[in-house]
Structures are given as C-alpha cells and as structure tokens.
Amino acid sequence: MGMLNGGTDPVGSVIQRAVSDARDVDDFDMRHLRYFLTVVRAGTVSAAAQELRISQPSLSQQIRRLEQRVGAALFIRSSRGVELTAGGRSFLREIQGIPSQLRSAIASVTPAPLVWPVGVCGGVPADVLLEVQNGLSGGDSTKLRMRSVSAADQDELLRHGEIAFGIVRLPIPIPHLVRAVIWDEPLGVVMTREHPLAAHAEPTWRDLARQRLLWYEEGCAPGFADSIPAHLARLGWASELHPIDQDQHALFLHALQTVMDLVALRPYRAVAQDPNLVWRPLPTSRPPRERLAVIALSGSRSARALQQVAGERGWAFFTE
C-alpha cells in the first residue's frame, strides 16, 4: 500500500491523477450524460423526453444545466430539432464510452449471473441453438434464457443489460460488439415441392429472373438483408423482394405455398428436414453465405466469457 503513494510508482501516479480528475467532476451526474446521449440519438428534445419518460421542459432544463457546467453550448436548436455544436461533437467523442466503461468496471467485480439472457433472431436452426447452449452453459439449459429478439433490437437490449448475448446474422452494423461465428453455410434456393422450378436440379439465373424473392422486412436483419440482394444482383439476379416477418416459420411456409412465383434463400441444413420444401443450389461457385454469430458488448463480462468459449469450441472470434 505504501508504494501507491510514492511519486515514482506508476500505479500511484495513475491513481493520483484519477483522484484529481474525480475531484474536478464531483458535481457531474451520470444522469446528465444519459440525457445528453439520448437527445443526440433521438434528434429532438421531445422524442428524447418521451423515451426517458420525463417532461420536455424538465429535460430542456437539465440540458441547459449541463451546458452551464461545461461552459459551452452543446446543441443548436431549431424547429426541426437539435444539432450538435462543434463543442457538442467534441464532448460526445470524449464521453460516449463512459457509461460502458463504468458498467464494465462494475461487472468485473460482481458475481457472474446464474442465468444468461440470450436474444435470438428469427429463423435460427435448432442445432445452432443447441451449440450455443452447450458452449455457453456446458449443456445446462437452466443457465441460459433464450427469447426471440429481432436483430435490430438487440443493440439497445445489450447496452441496457437486458440480454447478455445475442444471436444474429452477419454482417450487422452495430459498433462495439464482439462476435463468435457458430454457423457459416452457403445459401441456396428454397421452394415448395409444387413450385415449377422444383423439377430443376440446378435452376439457372434465367429461371430465377422470373421469380420474386421472399425476404426480410425492413429492420429485421440489418446488414444481412441489404448485403445478400446486392450480392445476388452482382451475380445476375436482381430479384423483386417480397418482404415478410420471417420470425415465424409458419408465415414463411404459408407465403411459399400460396404465391407460385416466390422462392426463398436458406442453407441446405436449415430446411433439409422439412418435407414441404425443396432446396436447390444457386448457379454459381461462390454463392452468398449465411453466417450466424453470438454477439456480446465489448468489454463486458459476457464478452470475456464468449471469447473463452469460442477458443474452447473453435468458433471464429472477432472483436469488431
């Protein structure tokens, strides 16, 4: 302990600077940072107030107090909403990591949770869920609580600690995540047995040009839902998209059964056991792929657990 007070001890110097910095911001409130970040994300004070469940005048007053404390205007206000000033942008760059750093610090000294909540996007095969369960809980199903959560909603739930892990399709345009890939399969064309193309062992691009593609509703699979049609267009199939909520297999199957010029994309393993469906390869040696990954918030306890499990089970692990 004596070394911490010595001027030549680097740890003591760091702590001394931290004490001094903390003294300078004693009157700062984490609540004000949350208010500031929410207004930045929402774009208007009224929308932020609704999200925070406080009155708009109260939120405006808190933002003014924050501006008085930092000594500079953070927002330019107009009839269209708010924009960050140059000072506001600088303030945002410096403070946006503070909430996650504090949460990580707290998590580092708290006991590991008895149950990990996991958000699962739609259409994840059962054997993928079993692999995740075996990896993250050693096969003990009581240690994981899985529930359906769209990929678009998982970012916010991860940041607020409502889920520890998510299962999503890559790519996903969410920063500050770690990813462990647990499924990487080529996509093929899926149709009902009654579909005219079901008799073709290998449909051509010309065959597919007359088909609409059953695809994800906007926001259901961000990143993946945009990249795959773009990939197909480069290969020669710029299909008209037929969006539905694919979280429910019954709706997926119903759409294919009732619209005759409709096909879907799935890996073979995802539909091989369904007697109603036929899988055919795409006419290319480099088909687009479906990559399912477990995600966690960077720096969190769950991220460290995921990295360890990925190493043990051979899952490809990525920090960004």
C-alpha atoms as a PDB file:
ATOM      1  CA  MET A   1       0.000   0.000   0.000  1.00  0.00           C
ATOM      2  CA  GLY A   2       2.887   2.357   0.746  1.00  0.00           C
ATOM      3  CA  MET A   3       4.076   2.180  -2.858  1.00  0.00           C
ATOM      4  CA  LEU A   4       0.810   3.651  -4.104  1.00  0.00           C
ATOM      5  CA  ASN A   5       1.749   6.968  -2.528  1.00  0.00           C
ATOM      6  CA  GLY A   6       5.266   7.072  -3.932  1.00  0.00           C
ATOM      7  CA  GLY A   7       5.940   9.623  -6.637  1.00  0.00           C
ATOM      8  CA  THR A   8       7.961   7.143  -8.714  1.00  0.00           C
ATOM      9  CA  ASP A   9       5.341   4.394  -8.678  1.00  0.00           C
ATOM     10  CA  PRO A  10       3.385   4.436 -11.999  1.00  0.00           C
ATOM     11  CA  VAL A  11       0.292   2.894 -10.409  1.00  0.00           C
ATOM     12  CA  GLY A  12       0.333   5.531  -7.675  1.00  0.00           C
ATOM     13  CA  SER A  13       0.693   8.282 -10.271  1.00  0.00           C
ATOM     14  CA  VAL A  14      -2.287   6.997 -12.225  1.00  0.00           C
ATOM     15  CA  ILE A  15      -4.430   6.826  -9.109  1.00  0.00           C
ATOM     16  CA  GLN A  16      -3.335  10.280  -8.041  1.00  0.00           C
ATOM     17  CA  ARG A  17      -4.363  11.701 -11.411  1.00  0.00           C
ATOM     18  CA  ALA A  18      -7.659   9.834 -11.208  1.00  0.00           C
ATOM     19  CA  VAL A  19      -8.373  11.285  -7.761  1.00  0.00           C
ATOM     20  CA  SER A  20      -7.643  14.779  -9.064  1.00  0.00           C
ATOM     21  CA  ASP A  21      -9.844  14.269 -12.138  1.00  0.00           C
ATOM     22  CA  ALA A  22     -12.660  12.897  -9.997  1.00  0.00           C
ATOM     23  CA  ARG A  23     -12.472  15.924  -7.714  1.00  0.00           C
ATOM     24  CA  ASP A  24     -12.896  18.217 -10.728  1.00  0.00           C
ATOM     25  CA  VAL A  25     -16.126  16.491 -11.787  1.00  0.00           C
ATOM     26  CA  ASP A  26     -17.670  15.866  -8.384  1.00  0.00           C
ATOM     27  CA  ASP A  27     -20.816  17.759  -9.332  1.00  0.00           C
ATOM     28  CA  PHE A  28     -21.378  15.856 -12.577  1.00  0.00           C
ATOM     29  CA  ASP A  29     -24.304  13.453 -12.631  1.00  0.00           C
ATOM     30  CA  MET A  30     -24.361  10.313 -14.813  1.00  0.00           C
ATOM     31  CA  ARG A  31     -27.999  11.114 -15.385  1.00  0.00           C
ATOM     32  CA  HIS A  32     -26.997  14.229 -17.351  1.00  0.00           C
ATOM     33  CA  LEU A  33     -24.746  12.180 -19.613  1.00  0.00           C
ATOM     34  CA  ARG A  34     -27.631   9.794 -20.272  1.00  0.00           C
ATOM     35  CA  TYR A  35     -29.911  12.728 -21.059  1.00  0.00           C
ATOM     36  CA  PHE A  36     -27.318  14.214 -23.409  1.00  0.00           C
ATOM     37  CA  LEU A  37     -26.730  10.922 -25.233  1.00  0.00           C
ATOM     38  CA  THR A  38     -30.458  10.287 -25.576  1.00  0.00           C
ATOM     39  CA  VAL A  39     -31.078  13.717 -27.118  1.00  0.00           C
ATOM     40  CA  VAL A  40     -28.213  13.126 -29.569  1.00  0.00           C
ATOM     41  CA  ARG A  41     -29.675   9.789 -30.626  1.00  0.00           C
ATOM     42  CA  ALA A  42     -33.314  10.916 -30.750  1.00  0.00           C
ATOM     43  CA  GLY A  43     -32.596  14.128 -32.649  1.00  0.00           C
ATOM     44  CA  THR A  44     -35.242  16.135 -30.802  1.00  0.00           C
ATOM     45  CA  VAL A  45     -35.776  17.016 -27.160  1.00  0.00           C
ATOM     46  CA  SER A  46     -39.422  15.949 -27.329  1.00  0.00           C
ATOM     47  CA  ALA A  47     -38.579  12.472 -28.668  1.00  0.00           C
ATOM     48  CA  ALA A  48     -35.831  12.082 -26.058  1.00  0.00           C
ATOM     49  CA  ALA A  49     -38.173  13.186 -23.263  1.00  0.00           C
ATOM     50  CA  GLN A  50     -40.714  10.594 -24.365  1.00  0.00           C
ATOM     51  CA  GLU A  51     -38.060   7.877 -24.387  1.00  0.00           C
ATOM     52  CA  LEU A  52     -36.756   8.940 -20.968  1.00  0.00           C
ATOM     53  CA  ARG A  53     -40.313   9.290 -19.625  1.00  0.00           C
ATOM     54  CA  ILE A  54     -39.795  12.797 -18.300  1.00  0.00           C
ATOM     55  CA  SER A  55     -41.407  16.059 -19.364  1.00  0.00           C
ATOM     56  CA  GLN A  56     -39.895  18.050 -22.204  1.00  0.00           C
ATOM     57  CA  PRO A  57     -39.447  21.236 -20.096  1.00  0.00           C
ATOM     58  CA  SER A  58     -37.651  19.211 -17.419  1.00  0.00           C
ATOM     59  CA  LEU A  59     -35.311  17.640 -19.957  1.00  0.00           C
ATOM     60  CA  SER A  60     -34.580  21.023 -21.563  1.00  0.00           C
ATOM     61  CA  GLN A  61     -33.719  22.407 -18.129  1.00  0.00           C
ATOM     62  CA  GLN A  62     -31.338  19.516 -17.415  1.00  0.00           C
ATOM     63  CA  ILE A  63     -29.592  20.008 -20.752  1.00  0.00           C
ATOM     64  CA  ARG A  64     -29.169  23.727 -20.002  1.00  0.00           C
ATOM     65  CA  ARG A  65     -27.638  22.852 -16.621  1.00  0.00           C
ATOM     66  CA  LEU A  66     -25.189  20.521 -18.351  1.00  0.00           C
ATOM     67  CA  GLU A  67     -24.244  23.261 -20.810  1.00  0.00           C
ATOM     68  CA  GLN A  68     -23.716  25.685 -17.932  1.00  0.00           C
ATOM     69  CA  ARG A  69     -21.480  23.137 -16.187  1.00  0.00           C
ATOM     70  CA  VAL A  70     -19.262  22.545 -19.219  1.00  0.00           C
ATOM     71  CA  GLY A  71     -19.303  26.225 -20.093  1.00  0.00           C
ATOM     72  CA  ALA A  72     -20.362  25.854 -23.720  1.00  0.00           C
ATOM     73  CA  ALA A  73     -23.469  25.319 -25.837  1.00  0.00           C
ATOM     74  CA  LEU A  74     -23.790  21.673 -26.843  1.00  0.00           C
ATOM     75  CA  PHE A  75     -26.775  21.912 -29.181  1.00  0.00           C
ATOM     76  CA  ILE A  76     -28.093  24.212 -31.885  1.00  0.00           C
ATOM     77  CA  ARG A  77     -31.869  24.281 -31.509  1.00  0.00           C
ATOM     78  CA  SER A  78     -34.244  24.789 -34.440  1.00  0.00           C
ATOM     79  CA  SER A  79     -37.801  23.976 -35.451  1.00  0.00           C
ATOM     80  CA  ARG A  80     -36.513  20.726 -36.983  1.00  0.00           C
ATOM     81  CA  GLY A  81     -34.870  19.521 -33.794  1.00  0.00           C
ATOM     82  CA  VAL A  82     -31.342  19.811 -32.432  1.00  0.00           C
ATOM     83  CA  GLU A  83     -27.862  19.541 -33.911  1.00  0.00           C
ATOM     84  CA  LEU A  84     -24.573  19.260 -32.098  1.00  0.00           C
ATOM     85  CA  THR A  85     -22.317  22.310 -31.999  1.00  0.00           C
ATOM     86  CA  ALA A  86     -18.596  21.837 -32.604  1.00  0.00           C
ATOM     87  CA  GLY A  87     -18.194  21.744 -28.825  1.00  0.00           C
ATOM     88  CA  GLY A  88     -21.037  19.263 -28.571  1.00  0.00           C
ATOM     89  CA  ARG A  89     -19.324  16.936 -31.043  1.00  0.00           C
ATOM     90  CA  SER A  90     -16.102  17.120 -29.064  1.00  0.00           C
ATOM     91  CA  PHE A  91     -17.978  16.434 -25.818  1.00  0.00           C
ATOM     92  CA  LEU A  92     -19.718  13.444 -27.424  1.00  0.00           C
ATOM     93  CA  ARG A  93     -16.446  11.920 -28.600  1.00  0.00           C
ATOM     94  CA  GLU A  94     -14.974  12.100 -25.113  1.00  0.00           C
ATOM     95  CA  ILE A  95     -17.923  10.898 -23.026  1.00  0.00           C
ATOM     96  CA  GLN A  96     -19.736   8.327 -25.161  1.00  0.00           C
ATOM     97  CA  GLY A  97     -17.606   5.478 -23.804  1.00  0.00           C
ATOM     98  CA  ILE A  98     -18.026   6.411 -20.125  1.00  0.00           C
ATOM     99  CA  PRO A  99     -21.312   4.502 -19.449  1.00  0.00           C
ATOM    100  CA  SER A 100     -19.977   1.231 -20.913  1.00  0.00           C
ATOM    101  CA  GLN A 101     -16.632   1.647 -19.087  1.00  0.00           C
ATOM    102  CA  LEU A 102     -18.433   2.149 -15.786  1.00  0.00           C
ATOM    103  CA  ARG A 103     -20.709  -0.815 -16.439  1.00  0.00           C
ATOM    104  CA  SER A 104     -17.673  -2.967 -17.289  1.00  0.00           C
ATOM    105  CA  ALA A 105     -15.948  -1.878 -14.081  1.00  0.00           C
ATOM    106  CA  ILE A 106     -18.981  -2.849 -12.030  1.00  0.00           C
ATOM    107  CA  ALA A 107     -19.349  -6.137 -13.895  1.00  0.00           C
ATOM    108  CA  SER A 108     -15.697  -7.025 -13.266  1.00  0.00           C
ATOM    109  CA  VAL A 109     -16.260  -7.243  -9.512  1.00  0.00           C
ATOM    110  CA  THR A 110     -19.801  -8.605  -9.391  1.00  0.00           C
ATOM    111  CA  PRO A 111     -20.528 -12.341  -9.365  1.00  0.00           C
ATOM    112  CA  ALA A 112     -21.296 -13.957 -12.708  1.00  0.00           C
ATOM    113  CA  PRO A 113     -25.058 -14.198 -13.291  1.00  0.00           C
ATOM    114  CA  LEU A 114     -26.719 -17.517 -12.589  1.00  0.00           C
ATOM    115  CA  VAL A 115     -28.696 -17.163 -15.826  1.00  0.00           C
ATOM    116  CA  TRP A 116     -27.511 -15.607 -19.093  1.00  0.00           C
ATOM    117  CA  PRO A 117     -30.371 -13.982 -21.062  1.00  0.00           C
ATOM    118  CA  VAL A 118     -29.925 -14.534 -24.821  1.00  0.00           C
ATOM    119  CA  GLY A 119     -31.759 -12.733 -27.644  1.00  0.00           C
ATOM    120  CA  VAL A 120     -32.356 -14.904 -30.711  1.00  0.00           C
ATOM    121  CA  CYS A 121     -33.163 -13.507 -34.163  1.00  0.00           C
ATOM    122  CA  GLY A 122     -35.731 -15.280 -36.334  1.00  0.00           C
ATOM    123  CA  GLY A 123     -35.068 -18.440 -38.320  1.00  0.00           C
ATOM    124  CA  VAL A 124     -32.140 -19.786 -36.283  1.00  0.00           C
ATOM    125  CA  PRO A 125     -31.892 -23.592 -36.707  1.00  0.00           C
ATOM    126  CA  ALA A 126     -32.378 -25.744 -33.626  1.00  0.00           C
ATOM    127  CA  ASP A 127     -28.889 -27.280 -33.871  1.00  0.00           C
ATOM    128  CA  VAL A 128     -27.367 -23.778 -33.724  1.00  0.00           C
ATOM    129  CA  LEU A 129     -29.276 -23.065 -30.517  1.00  0.00           C
ATOM    130  CA  LEU A 130     -28.070 -26.379 -29.107  1.00  0.00           C
ATOM    131  CA  GLU A 131     -24.458 -25.489 -29.989  1.00  0.00           C
ATOM    132  CA  VAL A 132     -24.832 -22.128 -28.240  1.00  0.00           C
ATOM    133  CA  GLN A 133     -26.367 -23.782 -25.190  1.00  0.00           C
ATOM    134  CA  ASN A 134     -23.628 -26.418 -24.991  1.00  0.00           C
ATOM    135  CA  GLY A 135     -20.955 -23.765 -25.380  1.00  0.00           C
ATOM    136  CA  LEU A 136     -22.192 -21.032 -23.061  1.00  0.00           C
ATOM    137  CA  SER A 137     -23.711 -23.215 -20.357  1.00  0.00           C
ATOM    138  CA  GLY A 138     -21.983 -26.556 -20.682  1.00  0.00           C
ATOM    139  CA  GLY A 139     -25.273 -28.076 -21.816  1.00  0.00           C
ATOM    140  CA  ASP A 140     -27.167 -26.915 -18.716  1.00  0.00           C
ATOM    141  CA  SER A 141     -30.322 -25.318 -20.145  1.00  0.00           C
ATOM    142  CA  THR A 142     -31.118 -23.668 -16.794  1.00  0.00           C
ATOM    143  CA  LYS A 143     -28.121 -21.333 -17.243  1.00  0.00           C
ATOM    144  CA  LEU A 144     -29.487 -19.739 -20.439  1.00  0.00           C
ATOM    145  CA  ARG A 145     -32.789 -17.980 -21.003  1.00  0.00           C
ATOM    146  CA  MET A 146     -33.388 -17.633 -24.740  1.00  0.00           C
ATOM    147  CA  ARG A 147     -36.107 -15.460 -26.231  1.00  0.00           C
ATOM    148  CA  SER A 148     -36.999 -14.117 -29.643  1.00  0.00           C
ATOM    149  CA  VAL A 149     -35.499 -10.646 -30.234  1.00  0.00           C
ATOM    150  CA  SER A 150     -35.080  -9.084 -33.681  1.00  0.00           C
ATOM    151  CA  ALA A 151     -31.517  -8.236 -34.655  1.00  0.00           C
ATOM    152  CA  ALA A 152     -32.468  -4.550 -34.894  1.00  0.00           C
ATOM    153  CA  ASP A 153     -33.498  -4.504 -31.205  1.00  0.00           C
ATOM    154  CA  GLN A 154     -30.542  -6.412 -29.797  1.00  0.00           C
ATOM    155  CA  ASP A 155     -28.186  -3.413 -29.734  1.00  0.00           C
ATOM    156  CA  GLU A 156     -30.287  -1.480 -27.232  1.00  0.00           C
ATOM    157  CA  LEU A 157     -31.018  -4.555 -25.088  1.00  0.00           C
ATOM    158  CA  LEU A 158     -27.309  -5.388 -24.915  1.00  0.00           C
ATOM    159  CA  ARG A 159     -26.412  -1.830 -23.932  1.00  0.00           C
ATOM    160  CA  HIS A 160     -29.044  -1.772 -21.178  1.00  0.00           C
ATOM    161  CA  GLY A 161     -28.061  -5.196 -19.857  1.00  0.00           C
ATOM    162  CA  GLU A 162     -31.409  -6.824 -20.640  1.00  0.00           C
ATOM    163  CA  ILE A 163     -29.660  -9.530 -22.653  1.00  0.00           C
ATOM    164  CA  ALA A 164     -26.093 -10.765 -22.182  1.00  0.00           C
ATOM    165  CA  PHE A 165     -25.743 -12.296 -25.649  1.00  0.00           C
ATOM    166  CA  GLY A 166     -27.492 -12.081 -28.983  1.00  0.00           C
ATOM    167  CA  ILE A 167     -27.680 -14.482 -31.912  1.00  0.00           C
ATOM    168  CA  VAL A 168     -27.750 -12.649 -35.250  1.00  0.00           C
ATOM    169  CA  ARG A 169     -26.927 -12.928 -38.940  1.00  0.00           C
ATOM    170  CA  LEU A 170     -23.760 -11.223 -40.097  1.00  0.00           C
ATOM    171  CA  PRO A 171     -22.945  -8.602 -41.123  1.00  0.00           C
ATOM    172  CA  ILE A 172     -24.648  -6.468 -38.504  1.00  0.00           C
ATOM    173  CA  PRO A 173     -23.986  -2.697 -38.471  1.00  0.00           C
ATOM    174  CA  ILE A 174     -23.662  -2.283 -34.701  1.00  0.00           C
ATOM    175  CA  PRO A 175     -20.394  -0.938 -33.224  1.00  0.00           C
ATOM    176  CA  HIS A 176     -18.669  -2.001 -30.005  1.00  0.00           C
ATOM    177  CA  LEU A 177     -19.540  -5.688 -30.303  1.00  0.00           C
ATOM    178  CA  VAL A 178     -17.556  -8.906 -30.209  1.00  0.00           C
ATOM    179  CA  ARG A 179     -18.698 -11.739 -32.465  1.00  0.00           C
ATOM    180  CA  ALA A 180     -18.217 -15.516 -32.452  1.00  0.00           C
ATOM    181  CA  VAL A 181     -19.298 -17.225 -35.683  1.00  0.00           C
ATOM    182  CA  ILE A 182     -21.055 -20.525 -34.998  1.00  0.00           C
ATOM    183  CA  TRP A 183     -22.648 -21.205 -38.408  1.00  0.00           C
ATOM    184  CA  ASP A 184     -21.303 -20.463 -41.892  1.00  0.00           C
ATOM    185  CA  GLU A 185     -23.247 -22.105 -44.717  1.00  0.00           C
ATOM    186  CA  PRO A 186     -23.832 -21.374 -48.433  1.00  0.00           C
ATOM    187  CA  LEU A 187     -27.313 -20.163 -49.332  1.00  0.00           C
ATOM    188  CA  GLY A 188     -29.467 -21.970 -51.874  1.00  0.00           C
ATOM    189  CA  VAL A 189     -32.923 -21.552 -53.397  1.00  0.00           C
ATOM    190  CA  VAL A 190     -35.844 -22.871 -51.360  1.00  0.00           C
ATOM    191  CA  MET A 191     -39.325 -23.537 -52.773  1.00  0.00           C
ATOM    192  CA  THR A 192     -42.294 -25.811 -52.223  1.00  0.00           C
ATOM    193  CA  ARG A 193     -42.421 -29.225 -53.896  1.00  0.00           C
ATOM    194  CA  GLU A 194     -45.230 -27.924 -56.097  1.00  0.00           C
ATOM    195  CA  HIS A 195     -43.211 -24.996 -57.437  1.00  0.00           C
ATOM    196  CA  PRO A 196     -42.431 -25.204 -61.204  1.00  0.00           C
ATOM    197  CA  LEU A 197     -38.679 -24.924 -60.538  1.00  0.00           C
ATOM    198  CA  ALA A 198     -38.715 -27.859 -58.114  1.00  0.00           C
ATOM    199  CA  ALA A 199     -38.199 -30.184 -61.082  1.00  0.00           C
ATOM    200  CA  HIS A 200     -34.937 -28.406 -61.995  1.00  0.00           C
ATOM    201  CA  ALA A 201     -31.895 -29.933 -60.327  1.00  0.00           C
ATOM    202  CA  GLU A 202     -29.968 -26.689 -60.849  1.00  0.00           C
ATOM    203  CA  PRO A 203     -32.063 -23.616 -61.754  1.00  0.00           C
ATOM    204  CA  THR A 204     -30.336 -21.036 -63.959  1.00  0.00           C
ATOM    205  CA  TRP A 205     -30.160 -17.265 -63.483  1.00  0.00           C
ATOM    206  CA  ARG A 206     -32.681 -17.041 -66.322  1.00  0.00           C
ATOM    207  CA  ASP A 207     -35.063 -19.317 -64.380  1.00  0.00           C
ATOM    208  CA  LEU A 208     -34.630 -17.240 -61.240  1.00  0.00           C
ATOM    209  CA  ALA A 209     -35.095 -13.911 -63.046  1.00  0.00           C
ATOM    210  CA  ARG A 210     -38.821 -14.653 -63.235  1.00  0.00           C
ATOM    211  CA  GLN A 211     -39.090 -15.324 -59.501  1.00  0.00           C
ATOM    212  CA  ARG A 212     -39.676 -12.985 -56.600  1.00  0.00           C
ATOM    213  CA  LEU A 213     -37.547 -13.447 -53.500  1.00  0.00           C
ATOM    214  CA  LEU A 214     -39.181 -13.970 -50.126  1.00  0.00           C
ATOM    215  CA  TRP A 215     -37.096 -11.706 -47.906  1.00  0.00           C
ATOM    216  CA  TYR A 216     -36.838  -9.946 -44.568  1.00  0.00           C
ATOM    217  CA  GLU A 217     -38.965  -6.972 -43.604  1.00  0.00           C
ATOM    218  CA  GLU A 218     -37.041  -3.706 -43.241  1.00  0.00           C
ATOM    219  CA  GLY A 219     -35.133  -3.679 -39.964  1.00  0.00           C
ATOM    220  CA  CYS A 220     -35.479  -7.414 -39.258  1.00  0.00           C
ATOM    221  CA  ALA A 221     -31.927  -8.343 -40.292  1.00  0.00           C
ATOM    222  CA  PRO A 222     -29.915  -5.127 -40.731  1.00  0.00           C
ATOM    223  CA  GLY A 223     -26.741  -5.614 -42.741  1.00  0.00           C
ATOM    224  CA  PHE A 224     -27.554  -9.146 -43.882  1.00  0.00           C
ATOM    225  CA  ALA A 225     -30.863  -8.160 -45.501  1.00  0.00           C
ATOM    226  CA  ASP A 226     -29.102  -5.494 -47.591  1.00  0.00           C
ATOM    227  CA  SER A 227     -25.884  -7.300 -48.461  1.00  0.00           C
ATOM    228  CA  ILE A 228     -27.365 -10.539 -49.819  1.00  0.00           C
ATOM    229  CA  PRO A 229     -29.649  -8.983 -52.512  1.00  0.00           C
ATOM    230  CA  ALA A 230     -26.715  -6.772 -53.538  1.00  0.00           C
ATOM    231  CA  HIS A 231     -24.525  -9.886 -53.842  1.00  0.00           C
ATOM    232  CA  LEU A 232     -27.188 -11.623 -55.967  1.00  0.00           C
ATOM    233  CA  ALA A 233     -27.541  -8.571 -58.214  1.00  0.00           C
ATOM    234  CA  ARG A 234     -23.795  -8.697 -58.925  1.00  0.00           C
ATOM    235  CA  LEU A 235     -24.192 -12.362 -59.875  1.00  0.00           C
ATOM    236  CA  GLY A 236     -27.049 -11.538 -62.255  1.00  0.00           C
ATOM    237  CA  TRP A 237     -30.254 -11.908 -60.221  1.00  0.00           C
ATOM    238  CA  ALA A 238     -31.796  -8.552 -59.331  1.00  0.00           C
ATOM    239  CA  SER A 239     -34.965 -10.031 -57.901  1.00  0.00           C
ATOM    240  CA  GLU A 240     -38.072  -8.222 -56.765  1.00  0.00           C
ATOM    241  CA  LEU A 241     -38.250  -8.640 -52.992  1.00  0.00           C
ATOM    242  CA  HIS A 242     -41.347  -9.911 -51.205  1.00  0.00           C
ATOM    243  CA  PRO A 243     -40.838  -8.903 -47.543  1.00  0.00           C
ATOM    244  CA  ILE A 244     -42.458 -10.713 -44.614  1.00  0.00           C
ATOM    245  CA  ASP A 245     -41.771 -11.219 -40.921  1.00  0.00           C
ATOM    246  CA  GLN A 246     -39.611 -14.347 -41.052  1.00  0.00           C
ATOM    247  CA  ASP A 247     -39.511 -14.905 -37.306  1.00  0.00           C
ATOM    248  CA  GLN A 248     -42.398 -17.345 -37.672  1.00  0.00           C
ATOM    249  CA  HIS A 249     -41.753 -20.429 -39.823  1.00  0.00           C
ATOM    250  CA  ALA A 250     -45.487 -20.891 -40.408  1.00  0.00           C
ATOM    251  CA  LEU A 251     -45.706 -17.488 -42.153  1.00  0.00           C
ATOM    252  CA  PHE A 252     -42.607 -18.293 -44.193  1.00  0.00           C
ATOM    253  CA  LEU A 253     -44.057 -21.606 -45.358  1.00  0.00           C
ATOM    254  CA  HIS A 254     -47.513 -20.117 -45.994  1.00  0.00           C
ATOM    255  CA  ALA A 255     -46.093 -17.433 -48.292  1.00  0.00           C
ATOM    256  CA  LEU A 256     -44.183 -20.010 -50.355  1.00  0.00           C
ATOM    257  CA  GLN A 257     -47.249 -22.244 -50.616  1.00  0.00           C
ATOM    258  CA  THR A 258     -49.642 -19.507 -51.732  1.00  0.00           C
ATOM    259  CA  VAL A 259     -47.503 -17.426 -54.141  1.00  0.00           C
ATOM    260  CA  MET A 260     -46.283 -19.536 -57.047  1.00  0.00           C
ATOM    261  CA  ASP A 261     -43.589 -17.176 -58.368  1.00  0.00           C
ATOM    262  CA  LEU A 262     -41.964 -16.933 -54.956  1.00  0.00           C
ATOM    263  CA  VAL A 263     -38.745 -18.557 -53.747  1.00  0.00           C
ATOM    264  CA  ALA A 264     -36.557 -18.050 -50.676  1.00  0.00           C
ATOM    265  CA  LEU A 265     -32.914 -18.412 -49.691  1.00  0.00           C
ATOM    266  CA  ARG A 266     -31.741 -20.746 -46.954  1.00  0.00           C
ATOM    267  CA  PRO A 267     -28.772 -23.013 -46.212  1.00  0.00           C
ATOM    268  CA  TYR A 268     -29.470 -26.651 -47.001  1.00  0.00           C
ATOM    269  CA  ARG A 269     -29.141 -27.729 -43.374  1.00  0.00           C
ATOM    270  CA  ALA A 270     -31.836 -25.246 -42.324  1.00  0.00           C
ATOM    271  CA  VAL A 271     -34.584 -26.881 -44.438  1.00  0.00           C
ATOM    272  CA  ALA A 272     -33.359 -30.428 -45.094  1.00  0.00           C
ATOM    273  CA  GLN A 273     -35.795 -31.944 -42.595  1.00  0.00           C
ATOM    274  CA  ASP A 274     -38.879 -30.058 -43.830  1.00  0.00           C
ATOM    275  CA  PRO A 275     -40.942 -32.369 -46.103  1.00  0.00           C
ATOM    276  CA  ASN A 276     -42.771 -29.408 -47.636  1.00  0.00           C
ATOM    277  CA  LEU A 277     -39.681 -27.719 -49.067  1.00  0.00           C
ATOM    278  CA  VAL A 278     -37.091 -28.346 -51.776  1.00  0.00           C
ATOM    279  CA  TRP A 279     -33.557 -26.905 -51.768  1.00  0.00           C
ATOM    280  CA  ARG A 280     -31.597 -26.185 -54.950  1.00  0.00           C
ATOM    281  CA  PRO A 281     -28.072 -24.714 -55.327  1.00  0.00           C
ATOM    282  CA  LEU A 282     -27.583 -21.272 -56.818  1.00  0.00           C
ATOM    283  CA  PRO A 283     -25.925 -21.307 -60.265  1.00  0.00           C
ATOM    284  CA  THR A 284     -22.549 -20.027 -59.043  1.00  0.00           C
ATOM    285  CA  SER A 285     -19.387 -21.404 -57.483  1.00  0.00           C
ATOM    286  CA  ARG A 286     -19.372 -18.515 -54.989  1.00  0.00           C
ATOM    287  CA  PRO A 287     -22.875 -18.304 -53.510  1.00  0.00           C
ATOM    288  CA  PRO A 288     -23.687 -15.848 -50.734  1.00  0.00           C
ATOM    289  CA  ARG A 289     -23.458 -17.357 -47.279  1.00  0.00           C
ATOM    290  CA  GLU A 290     -25.442 -17.213 -44.079  1.00  0.00           C
ATOM    291  CA  ARG A 291     -23.226 -16.591 -41.073  1.00  0.00           C
ATOM    292  CA  LEU A 292     -24.825 -16.795 -37.645  1.00  0.00           C
ATOM    293  CA  ALA A 293     -22.904 -15.401 -34.696  1.00  0.00           C
ATOM    294  CA  VAL A 294     -23.186 -14.946 -30.970  1.00  0.00           C
ATOM    295  CA  ILE A 295     -22.595 -11.292 -30.093  1.00  0.00           C
ATOM    296  CA  ALA A 296     -21.824  -9.502 -26.843  1.00  0.00           C
ATOM    297  CA  LEU A 297     -20.977  -5.959 -25.827  1.00  0.00           C
ATOM    298  CA  SER A 298     -17.240  -5.208 -25.998  1.00  0.00           C
ATOM    299  CA  GLY A 299     -15.576  -5.035 -22.591  1.00  0.00           C
ATOM    300  CA  SER A 300     -18.411  -6.794 -20.788  1.00  0.00           C
ATOM    301  CA  ARG A 301     -18.218  -9.928 -18.655  1.00  0.00           C
ATOM    302  CA  SER A 302     -20.254 -11.762 -21.298  1.00  0.00           C
ATOM    303  CA  ALA A 303     -17.744 -10.711 -23.986  1.00  0.00           C
ATOM    304  CA  ARG A 304     -14.896 -12.230 -21.978  1.00  0.00           C
ATOM    305  CA  ALA A 305     -16.920 -15.410 -21.422  1.00  0.00           C
ATOM    306  CA  LEU A 306     -17.720 -15.589 -25.149  1.00  0.00           C
ATOM    307  CA  GLN A 307     -14.046 -15.236 -26.103  1.00  0.00           C
ATOM    308  CA  GLN A 308     -13.117 -18.084 -23.770  1.00  0.00           C
ATOM    309  CA  VAL A 309     -15.885 -20.364 -25.074  1.00  0.00           C
ATOM    310  CA  ALA A 310     -15.015 -19.513 -28.693  1.00  0.00           C
ATOM    311  CA  GLY A 311     -11.431 -20.616 -28.083  1.00  0.00           C
ATOM    312  CA  GLU A 312     -12.579 -23.862 -26.485  1.00  0.00           C
ATOM    313  CA  ARG A 313     -15.103 -24.743 -29.220  1.00  0.00           C
ATOM    314  CA  GLY A 314     -13.274 -23.409 -32.269  1.00  0.00           C
ATOM    315  CA  TRP A 315     -15.706 -20.587 -33.051  1.00  0.00           C
ATOM    316  CA  ALA A 316     -14.121 -17.814 -35.117  1.00  0.00           C
ATOM    317  CA  PHE A 317     -13.928 -14.818 -32.770  1.00  0.00           C
ATOM    318  CA  PHE A 318     -13.819 -11.164 -33.900  1.00  0.00           C
ATOM    319  CA  THR A 319     -13.533  -8.031 -31.790  1.00  0.00           C
ATOM    320  CA  GLU A 320     -15.034  -5.699 -34.433  1.00  0.00           C
END
